[in-house]
């Protein structure tokens, strides 16, 4: 019985967050869900919720210009646990690049920081389990 309780508590820690996606097509939303589920959240705890909004390319470019953020793919607003993704990027990037982008953006949420280096370190752990 104790073993079962320990297994259940470990699986709760290792579970990926509640992942919600808005915008774009069913194909792109399903693709992001599939790629997010392939990340290994067992060694790095993730926030309970993570929201992603896919934004049409032109709107995305206007937003990053306004926010003075240098990215063509995605950015995350930490206090809202919200990632915004460029729909044009999703159309042209392969699954490996999109998966890394998701890992990187979740890295920002995990470290609760804007450090690109730290987000990349966490992304590596999520992608390769190391």
C-alpha atoms as a PDB file:
ATOM      1  CA  UNK A   1       0.000   0.000   0.000  1.00  0.00           C
ATOM      2  CA  UNK A   2       2.808   2.416   0.901  1.00  0.00           C
ATOM      3  CA  UNK A   3       4.534   1.555  -2.385  1.00  0.00           C
ATOM      4  CA  UNK A   4       1.377   2.398  -4.342  1.00  0.00           C
ATOM      5  CA  UNK A   5       1.038   5.744  -2.542  1.00  0.00           C
ATOM      6  CA  UNK A   6       4.682   6.557  -3.309  1.00  0.00           C
ATOM      7  CA  UNK A   7       4.200   5.692  -6.983  1.00  0.00           C
ATOM      8  CA  UNK A   8       1.129   7.880  -7.205  1.00  0.00           C
ATOM      9  CA  UNK A   9       2.893  10.820  -5.573  1.00  0.00           C
ATOM     10  CA  UNK A  10       5.896  10.433  -7.877  1.00  0.00           C
ATOM     11  CA  UNK A  11       3.687  10.324 -10.951  1.00  0.00           C
ATOM     12  CA  UNK A  12       1.918  13.482  -9.775  1.00  0.00           C
ATOM     13  CA  UNK A  13       5.277  15.262  -9.536  1.00  0.00           C
ATOM     14  CA  UNK A  14       6.401  13.957 -12.913  1.00  0.00           C
ATOM     15  CA  UNK A  15       3.212  14.927 -14.717  1.00  0.00           C
ATOM     16  CA  UNK A  16       3.280  17.642 -17.319  1.00  0.00           C
ATOM     17  CA  UNK A  17       1.257  20.770 -16.604  1.00  0.00           C
ATOM     18  CA  UNK A  18      -2.271  21.486 -17.639  1.00  0.00           C
ATOM     19  CA  UNK A  19      -1.481  22.610 -21.160  1.00  0.00           C
ATOM     20  CA  UNK A  20      -4.029  24.805 -22.953  1.00  0.00           C
ATOM     21  CA  UNK A  21      -3.675  26.082 -26.522  1.00  0.00           C
ATOM     22  CA  UNK A  22      -5.693  28.740 -28.327  1.00  0.00           C
ATOM     23  CA  UNK A  23      -5.653  29.856 -31.934  1.00  0.00           C
ATOM     24  CA  UNK A  24      -4.616  28.478 -35.309  1.00  0.00           C
ATOM     25  CA  UNK A  25      -5.818  25.177 -36.733  1.00  0.00           C
ATOM     26  CA  UNK A  26      -6.642  21.868 -35.070  1.00  0.00           C
ATOM     27  CA  UNK A  27      -3.530  20.465 -36.746  1.00  0.00           C
ATOM     28  CA  UNK A  28      -1.185  22.998 -35.111  1.00  0.00           C
ATOM     29  CA  UNK A  29      -2.901  22.748 -31.707  1.00  0.00           C
ATOM     30  CA  UNK A  30      -2.669  18.938 -31.831  1.00  0.00           C
ATOM     31  CA  UNK A  31       0.955  19.173 -32.949  1.00  0.00           C
ATOM     32  CA  UNK A  32       1.869  21.396 -29.989  1.00  0.00           C
ATOM     33  CA  UNK A  33       0.057  19.073 -27.588  1.00  0.00           C
ATOM     34  CA  UNK A  34       1.905  16.043 -28.978  1.00  0.00           C
ATOM     35  CA  UNK A  35       5.289  17.784 -28.761  1.00  0.00           C
ATOM     36  CA  UNK A  36       4.641  19.106 -25.248  1.00  0.00           C
ATOM     37  CA  UNK A  37       3.711  15.600 -24.106  1.00  0.00           C
ATOM     38  CA  UNK A  38       7.035  14.297 -25.403  1.00  0.00           C
ATOM     39  CA  UNK A  39       8.988  16.524 -22.983  1.00  0.00           C
ATOM     40  CA  UNK A  40      10.316  14.906 -19.816  1.00  0.00           C
ATOM     41  CA  UNK A  41       8.954  16.861 -16.860  1.00  0.00           C
ATOM     42  CA  UNK A  42       9.978  14.144 -14.375  1.00  0.00           C
ATOM     43  CA  UNK A  43      13.284  15.757 -13.340  1.00  0.00           C
ATOM     44  CA  UNK A  44      12.289  19.410 -13.480  1.00  0.00           C
ATOM     45  CA  UNK A  45       9.034  20.479 -11.829  1.00  0.00           C
ATOM     46  CA  UNK A  46       6.713  22.501 -14.028  1.00  0.00           C
ATOM     47  CA  UNK A  47       4.054  25.009 -13.051  1.00  0.00           C
ATOM     48  CA  UNK A  48       0.524  23.636 -12.712  1.00  0.00           C
ATOM     49  CA  UNK A  49      -0.813  25.448 -15.756  1.00  0.00           C
ATOM     50  CA  UNK A  50       0.677  26.625 -19.013  1.00  0.00           C
ATOM     51  CA  UNK A  51      -1.257  28.493 -21.671  1.00  0.00           C
ATOM     52  CA  UNK A  52      -0.131  28.932 -25.259  1.00  0.00           C
ATOM     53  CA  UNK A  53      -1.727  31.282 -27.753  1.00  0.00           C
ATOM     54  CA  UNK A  54      -0.849  30.947 -31.421  1.00  0.00           C
ATOM     55  CA  UNK A  55      -0.836  34.368 -33.063  1.00  0.00           C
ATOM     56  CA  UNK A  56      -0.906  35.120 -36.812  1.00  0.00           C
ATOM     57  CA  UNK A  57       2.561  36.151 -38.027  1.00  0.00           C
ATOM     58  CA  UNK A  58       1.832  39.810 -38.698  1.00  0.00           C
ATOM     59  CA  UNK A  59       0.227  40.305 -35.265  1.00  0.00           C
ATOM     60  CA  UNK A  60       3.104  38.416 -33.624  1.00  0.00           C
ATOM     61  CA  UNK A  61       5.686  40.698 -35.280  1.00  0.00           C
ATOM     62  CA  UNK A  62       3.789  43.805 -34.120  1.00  0.00           C
ATOM     63  CA  UNK A  63       3.651  42.493 -30.551  1.00  0.00           C
ATOM     64  CA  UNK A  64       7.355  41.640 -30.312  1.00  0.00           C
ATOM     65  CA  UNK A  65       8.220  45.047 -31.754  1.00  0.00           C
ATOM     66  CA  UNK A  66       6.010  46.761 -29.190  1.00  0.00           C
ATOM     67  CA  UNK A  67       7.426  44.642 -26.340  1.00  0.00           C
ATOM     68  CA  UNK A  68      10.997  45.011 -27.653  1.00  0.00           C
ATOM     69  CA  UNK A  69      11.462  41.238 -27.613  1.00  0.00           C
ATOM     70  CA  UNK A  70      13.881  39.681 -30.086  1.00  0.00           C
ATOM     71  CA  UNK A  71      12.263  36.472 -31.329  1.00  0.00           C
ATOM     72  CA  UNK A  72      10.716  35.033 -34.450  1.00  0.00           C
ATOM     73  CA  UNK A  73       9.201  32.000 -32.736  1.00  0.00           C
ATOM     74  CA  UNK A  74       7.733  32.557 -29.245  1.00  0.00           C
ATOM     75  CA  UNK A  75       7.909  34.495 -26.000  1.00  0.00           C
ATOM     76  CA  UNK A  76       6.520  33.911 -22.531  1.00  0.00           C
ATOM     77  CA  UNK A  77       5.018  36.272 -19.976  1.00  0.00           C
ATOM     78  CA  UNK A  78       5.975  34.680 -16.674  1.00  0.00           C
ATOM     79  CA  UNK A  79       3.379  36.191 -14.337  1.00  0.00           C
ATOM     80  CA  UNK A  80       0.545  34.876 -16.532  1.00  0.00           C
ATOM     81  CA  UNK A  81       2.196  31.524 -17.398  1.00  0.00           C
ATOM     82  CA  UNK A  82       1.387  32.465 -20.973  1.00  0.00           C
ATOM     83  CA  UNK A  83       3.405  31.706 -24.099  1.00  0.00           C
ATOM     84  CA  UNK A  84       2.682  33.404 -27.404  1.00  0.00           C
ATOM     85  CA  UNK A  85       3.769  31.549 -30.550  1.00  0.00           C
ATOM     86  CA  UNK A  86       4.179  32.846 -34.074  1.00  0.00           C
ATOM     87  CA  UNK A  87       1.862  30.922 -36.397  1.00  0.00           C
ATOM     88  CA  UNK A  88       4.213  31.513 -39.356  1.00  0.00           C
ATOM     89  CA  UNK A  89       7.029  29.858 -37.385  1.00  0.00           C
ATOM     90  CA  UNK A  90       4.832  26.818 -36.723  1.00  0.00           C
ATOM     91  CA  UNK A  91       4.082  26.467 -40.415  1.00  0.00           C
ATOM     92  CA  UNK A  92       7.746  26.415 -41.468  1.00  0.00           C
ATOM     93  CA  UNK A  93       9.621  24.901 -38.487  1.00  0.00           C
ATOM     94  CA  UNK A  94      10.045  21.146 -38.215  1.00  0.00           C
ATOM     95  CA  UNK A  95       8.926  19.207 -35.128  1.00  0.00           C
ATOM     96  CA  UNK A  96      12.426  19.242 -33.623  1.00  0.00           C
ATOM     97  CA  UNK A  97      12.630  23.043 -33.675  1.00  0.00           C
ATOM     98  CA  UNK A  98       9.087  23.475 -32.367  1.00  0.00           C
ATOM     99  CA  UNK A  99       9.728  20.932 -29.596  1.00  0.00           C
ATOM    100  CA  UNK A 100      12.872  22.834 -28.584  1.00  0.00           C
ATOM    101  CA  UNK A 101      10.917  26.097 -28.583  1.00  0.00           C
ATOM    102  CA  UNK A 102       8.309  24.577 -26.262  1.00  0.00           C
ATOM    103  CA  UNK A 103      11.053  23.197 -24.006  1.00  0.00           C
ATOM    104  CA  UNK A 104      12.790  26.577 -23.947  1.00  0.00           C
ATOM    105  CA  UNK A 105       9.633  28.537 -23.147  1.00  0.00           C
ATOM    106  CA  UNK A 106       8.687  26.079 -20.400  1.00  0.00           C
ATOM    107  CA  UNK A 107      12.254  26.537 -19.130  1.00  0.00           C
ATOM    108  CA  UNK A 108      11.455  30.198 -18.488  1.00  0.00           C
ATOM    109  CA  UNK A 109       8.397  29.141 -16.475  1.00  0.00           C
ATOM    110  CA  UNK A 110      10.338  26.550 -14.493  1.00  0.00           C
ATOM    111  CA  UNK A 111      13.204  28.890 -13.545  1.00  0.00           C
ATOM    112  CA  UNK A 112      10.774  31.814 -13.214  1.00  0.00           C
ATOM    113  CA  UNK A 113      13.377  33.939 -14.955  1.00  0.00           C
ATOM    114  CA  UNK A 114      14.130  35.672 -18.236  1.00  0.00           C
ATOM    115  CA  UNK A 115      17.587  34.108 -18.548  1.00  0.00           C
ATOM    116  CA  UNK A 116      17.987  32.623 -22.022  1.00  0.00           C
ATOM    117  CA  UNK A 117      20.938  30.527 -20.829  1.00  0.00           C
ATOM    118  CA  UNK A 118      19.016  29.024 -17.911  1.00  0.00           C
ATOM    119  CA  UNK A 119      15.948  28.393 -20.115  1.00  0.00           C
ATOM    120  CA  UNK A 120      18.169  26.550 -22.611  1.00  0.00           C
ATOM    121  CA  UNK A 121      19.756  24.456 -19.850  1.00  0.00           C
ATOM    122  CA  UNK A 122      16.304  23.410 -18.648  1.00  0.00           C
ATOM    123  CA  UNK A 123      15.165  22.821 -22.240  1.00  0.00           C
ATOM    124  CA  UNK A 124      18.034  20.370 -22.692  1.00  0.00           C
ATOM    125  CA  UNK A 125      16.923  18.442 -19.598  1.00  0.00           C
ATOM    126  CA  UNK A 126      13.321  18.373 -20.838  1.00  0.00           C
ATOM    127  CA  UNK A 127      14.292  17.241 -24.311  1.00  0.00           C
ATOM    128  CA  UNK A 128      16.940  14.678 -23.460  1.00  0.00           C
ATOM    129  CA  UNK A 129      16.212  13.815 -19.812  1.00  0.00           C
ATOM    130  CA  UNK A 130      19.747  14.751 -18.710  1.00  0.00           C
END
